Protein backbone atom coordinates (compact mmCIF):
# COMPACT_ATOMS: atom_id res chain seq x y z
CA MET A 1 -33.37 -0.78 11.47
CA LYS A 2 -32.09 -0.27 7.97
CA SER A 3 -28.45 -0.31 7.73
CA THR A 4 -28.12 3.18 6.02
CA ALA A 5 -30.59 5.05 8.91
CA PHE A 6 -28.06 3.24 11.88
CA ALA A 7 -25.37 4.76 9.89
CA ASP A 8 -27.05 8.45 10.10
CA ARG A 9 -27.63 7.42 13.45
CA LEU A 10 -23.85 6.58 14.40
CA GLU A 11 -23.24 9.46 12.44
CA GLU A 12 -25.33 11.52 14.91
CA VAL A 13 -23.37 10.06 18.01
CA ALA A 14 -20.15 10.82 16.91
CA GLU A 15 -21.30 14.36 16.75
CA LEU A 16 -22.19 14.47 19.81
CA PHE A 17 -19.23 12.88 21.36
CA ALA A 18 -16.92 16.24 18.86
CA ALA A 19 -19.40 18.40 20.83
CA GLY A 20 -17.96 17.12 24.42
CA GLN A 21 -14.70 17.01 23.35
CA ALA A 22 -14.59 13.04 23.39
CA THR A 23 -12.09 13.83 19.55
CA SER A 24 -10.95 10.01 19.77
CA ALA A 25 -14.60 8.38 20.26
CA SER A 26 -16.62 10.78 18.09
CA THR A 27 -13.54 9.48 14.89
CA ALA A 28 -14.00 5.97 15.93
CA LEU A 29 -17.15 6.13 15.53
CA LYS A 30 -17.11 7.91 12.17
CA THR A 31 -14.47 5.04 10.82
CA LEU A 32 -17.76 2.46 11.18
CA VAL A 33 -20.00 4.50 9.17
CA PRO A 34 -19.12 3.22 5.67
CA ILE A 35 -19.92 -0.68 7.06
CA PHE A 36 -23.43 0.22 6.91
CA ARG A 37 -23.87 1.95 3.84
CA VAL A 38 -22.59 -0.81 1.56
CA LEU A 39 -26.55 -2.57 1.99
CA PRO A 40 -28.42 0.38 2.61
CA ALA A 41 -31.64 -1.63 2.74
CA LYS A 42 -30.57 -4.37 5.14
CA SER A 43 -31.49 -4.38 8.34
CA VAL A 44 -28.59 -3.85 11.40
CA THR A 45 -29.11 -7.38 11.89
CA ASP A 46 -28.54 -8.90 8.97
CA VAL A 47 -25.44 -6.81 8.26
CA THR A 48 -24.11 -7.75 11.84
CA LYS A 49 -24.84 -11.61 10.81
CA LYS A 50 -23.05 -11.30 7.56
CA LEU A 51 -19.67 -9.98 9.84
CA THR A 52 -20.14 -12.34 12.70
CA GLU A 53 -18.26 -15.45 11.50
CA HIS A 54 -16.08 -13.54 8.98
CA ASP A 55 -12.08 -13.72 10.20
CA PHE A 56 -10.48 -10.04 10.25
CA PRO A 57 -6.67 -10.03 10.65
CA SER A 58 -5.01 -9.40 14.13
CA ALA A 59 -3.68 -5.90 15.06
CA SER A 60 0.44 -5.68 15.12
CA PHE A 61 1.09 -4.46 18.21
CA MET A 62 1.21 -0.56 16.59
CA GLN A 63 -1.93 -0.97 14.90
CA ALA A 64 -5.53 0.26 16.47
CA ARG A 65 -7.72 -2.34 17.80
CA VAL A 66 -11.58 -2.60 17.00
CA GLU A 67 -11.62 -2.67 20.64
CA THR A 68 -10.94 1.27 21.33
CA ILE A 69 -14.31 1.39 19.76
CA ALA A 70 -16.11 -2.16 21.34
CA ARG A 71 -15.55 -0.40 24.57
CA LEU A 72 -17.77 2.43 23.80
CA LEU A 73 -20.89 0.61 22.95
CA PRO A 74 -22.20 -0.60 26.05
CA ALA A 75 -22.88 2.95 27.20
CA LEU A 76 -24.72 3.71 24.21
CA GLU A 77 -26.95 0.77 24.56
CA LYS A 78 -27.64 1.73 28.27
CA PHE A 79 -28.21 5.40 26.58
CA THR A 80 -30.54 4.38 23.84
CA ALA A 81 -32.53 2.06 25.52
CA ALA A 82 -33.22 4.52 28.16
CA ILE A 83 -34.42 6.94 25.12
CA ALA A 84 -34.94 5.63 22.31
CA SER A 85 -36.30 2.75 20.80
CA LYS A 86 -36.10 -0.99 21.84
CA ALA A 87 -35.18 -1.74 17.76
CA ILE A 88 -32.18 1.26 17.91
CA ALA A 89 -30.83 -0.19 21.46
CA ALA A 90 -31.03 -4.18 19.98
CA ASP A 91 -29.07 -2.55 16.65
CA PHE A 92 -26.30 -1.09 18.81
CA ALA A 93 -26.49 -4.25 21.30
CA ALA A 94 -25.77 -6.47 17.59
CA LEU A 95 -23.48 -3.58 17.12
CA THR A 96 -21.62 -4.26 20.24
CA ALA A 97 -21.51 -8.14 19.97
CA LEU A 98 -19.92 -8.12 16.59
CA LEU A 99 -17.15 -5.63 17.69
CA GLU A 100 -16.58 -7.65 20.90
CA LYS A 101 -16.21 -10.71 18.95
CA HIS A 102 -13.14 -9.24 17.06
CA LYS A 103 -12.03 -6.64 19.29
CA ASN A 104 -8.29 -8.02 18.85
CA ALA A 105 -8.96 -7.26 15.00
CA SER A 106 -6.96 -4.13 13.43
CA LEU A 107 -9.97 -1.23 13.03
CA ASP A 108 -8.54 -0.20 9.61
CA GLN A 109 -8.38 -3.83 8.37
CA PHE A 110 -11.72 -4.73 10.02
CA VAL A 111 -13.08 -1.54 8.41
CA ALA A 112 -12.02 -2.68 4.86
CA LYS A 113 -12.72 -6.57 4.86
CA ALA A 114 -16.01 -5.81 5.67
CA THR A 115 -17.04 -3.69 3.51
CA GLU A 116 -15.46 -5.57 1.36
CA ALA A 117 -17.13 -8.78 2.33
CA LEU A 118 -20.48 -6.82 2.26
CA ALA A 119 -20.09 -5.26 -1.46
CA HIS A 120 -19.15 -9.09 -2.98
CA SER A 121 -21.76 -10.52 -0.97
CA VAL A 122 -23.98 -8.98 -3.53
CA ALA A 123 -21.76 -8.49 -6.17
CA GLY A 124 -23.43 -9.95 -9.61
CA LYS A 125 -27.23 -10.01 -8.09
CA THR A 126 -27.98 -6.76 -9.49
CA LYS A 127 -29.08 -6.77 -12.95
CA PRO A 128 -26.33 -3.79 -15.07
CA THR A 129 -28.86 -0.82 -16.44
CA LYS A 130 -27.67 0.43 -19.84
CA ALA A 131 -25.82 3.11 -18.51
CA ALA A 132 -23.44 0.79 -16.26
CA LYS A 133 -22.57 -1.24 -19.36
CA THR A 134 -21.15 1.46 -21.21
CA LEU A 135 -18.55 2.22 -18.10
CA ARG A 136 -15.35 0.89 -17.86
CA THR A 137 -15.60 -1.56 -15.17
CA ASP A 138 -12.66 -3.57 -15.40
CA LEU A 139 -11.05 0.03 -14.74
CA VAL A 140 -12.84 0.88 -11.58
CA GLU A 141 -11.92 -2.68 -10.17
CA GLN A 142 -8.38 -1.71 -11.15
CA TYR A 143 -8.74 1.31 -9.40
CA ASN A 144 -10.70 0.26 -6.24
CA LYS A 145 -8.28 -3.01 -5.57
CA ARG A 146 -5.66 -0.77 -5.56
CA LEU A 147 -6.95 1.77 -3.34
CA GLU A 148 -8.44 -0.75 -0.79
CA GLU A 149 -4.69 -2.11 -0.73
CA ALA A 150 -3.30 1.33 0.17
CA LEU A 151 -5.87 2.60 2.76
CA GLY A 152 -4.11 3.79 6.03
CA ASP A 153 -0.87 3.86 3.91
CA ASP A 154 -1.04 7.93 3.60
CA PRO A 155 2.25 8.39 0.72
CA GLY A 156 1.11 5.39 -1.08
CA PHE A 157 -2.64 6.53 -1.24
CA ARG A 158 -2.07 9.66 -1.98
CA GLN A 159 -0.01 8.76 -4.90
CA ILE A 160 -2.72 6.62 -6.30
CA VAL A 161 -5.70 9.46 -5.56
CA SER A 162 -2.71 11.45 -7.91
CA GLN A 163 -2.72 9.62 -10.58
CA LEU A 164 -6.80 9.46 -10.62
CA GLN A 165 -6.93 13.07 -11.20
CA HIS A 166 -4.94 12.85 -14.59
CA ASP A 167 -6.19 9.58 -15.88
CA ALA A 168 -8.05 10.57 -19.09
CA GLU A 169 -9.41 7.26 -18.90
CA MET A 170 -11.25 7.79 -16.25
CA THR A 171 -14.79 8.90 -17.31
CA SER A 172 -16.91 11.55 -14.72
CA GLY A 173 -19.63 8.40 -14.75
CA GLU A 174 -16.35 5.56 -13.80
CA MET A 175 -15.22 8.40 -10.95
CA ALA A 176 -18.72 8.25 -9.68
CA ALA A 177 -19.05 4.68 -9.83
CA LEU A 178 -15.71 4.42 -8.01
CA ALA A 179 -16.43 6.32 -5.02
CA LYS A 180 -20.05 4.48 -4.81
CA ARG A 181 -17.69 1.31 -4.62
CA PHE A 182 -14.73 2.70 -2.70
CA ALA A 183 -16.09 5.30 -0.43
CA PHE A 184 -19.93 3.69 -0.10
CA SER A 185 -20.96 7.33 -1.34
CA THR A 186 -22.78 8.55 -4.14
CA ALA A 187 -20.86 11.76 -6.11
CA LYS A 188 -21.63 14.06 -9.00
CA GLY A 189 -18.50 15.00 -11.46
CA ARG A 190 -14.48 14.16 -10.55
CA ASP A 191 -13.90 16.88 -8.41
CA GLN A 192 -16.77 15.25 -5.38
CA ALA A 193 -15.73 11.81 -6.10
CA LEU A 194 -12.12 12.67 -5.56
CA LYS A 195 -13.24 13.82 -2.00
CA LYS A 196 -15.30 11.02 -1.02
CA ILE A 197 -12.41 8.95 -1.75
CA MET A 198 -10.05 10.94 -0.04
CA SER A 199 -12.68 10.92 3.06
CA ARG A 200 -12.30 7.56 3.63
CA HIS A 201 -8.92 7.50 3.86
CA GLN A 202 -8.35 10.98 6.17
CA ASP A 203 -11.11 9.36 8.39
CA LEU A 204 -9.36 6.57 8.75
CA MET A 205 -5.65 8.11 9.51
CA ILE A 206 -7.27 11.07 11.99
CA ALA A 207 -9.23 7.63 13.76
CA ARG A 208 -5.90 5.87 13.63
CA ALA A 209 -3.58 9.46 15.22
CA ALA A 210 -6.63 9.50 17.96
CA SER A 211 -6.68 6.17 19.01
CA ARG A 212 -2.17 6.66 19.47
CA ALA A 213 -2.69 9.57 21.26
CA THR A 214 -4.98 7.87 23.65
CA ALA A 215 -2.89 5.02 24.29
CA GLY A 216 -0.01 6.95 25.04
CA ARG A 217 -1.98 9.12 27.28
CA ILE A 218 -3.27 5.63 29.03
CA ALA A 219 0.57 4.05 29.17
CA GLY A 220 1.87 7.34 30.91
């Protein structure tokens, strides 16, 4: 299955969990979606292979771990194997293996580093179009780096977004390019681009809060 189609399937499964009031499971699965938006034309197998040998920072005591999602996947494997095609089941199995290998990694760092690694894997391979040449790619990259570093730090992230809103040098085209680079989403205009950028951060914050709540209930 193509990576972008698998991202759609993850979102659909997340919606099913949400409908069943399994909020933490839903938000955890949504956290993974950006990883499979980076290389939309590649297969899930290609994407997981690229990340299997990659190193990810281990989670600290207070950070959500990848295993919060990894423990959901075996049940999804069985479910998809029973009602869907073998190809979809195999894709979920590949994701399970990837998450299991990196289960002790910080969840937010895993997503951030995975998307960054995939994006870098194709950097420089695509010839720029005439429109792309007119963009301030250096400015886009500077903001992308700052956003990646501030991801998960709510006050710091919102401060950068506020600067983006008032930065006259960032044209609509550059804002759209930043949304594509950081949030892996297509955006039309400044306002939509900012919403896409904030959405990735907010999804992470929700997933982190849900993970803490789940850990607290288990500890209690």
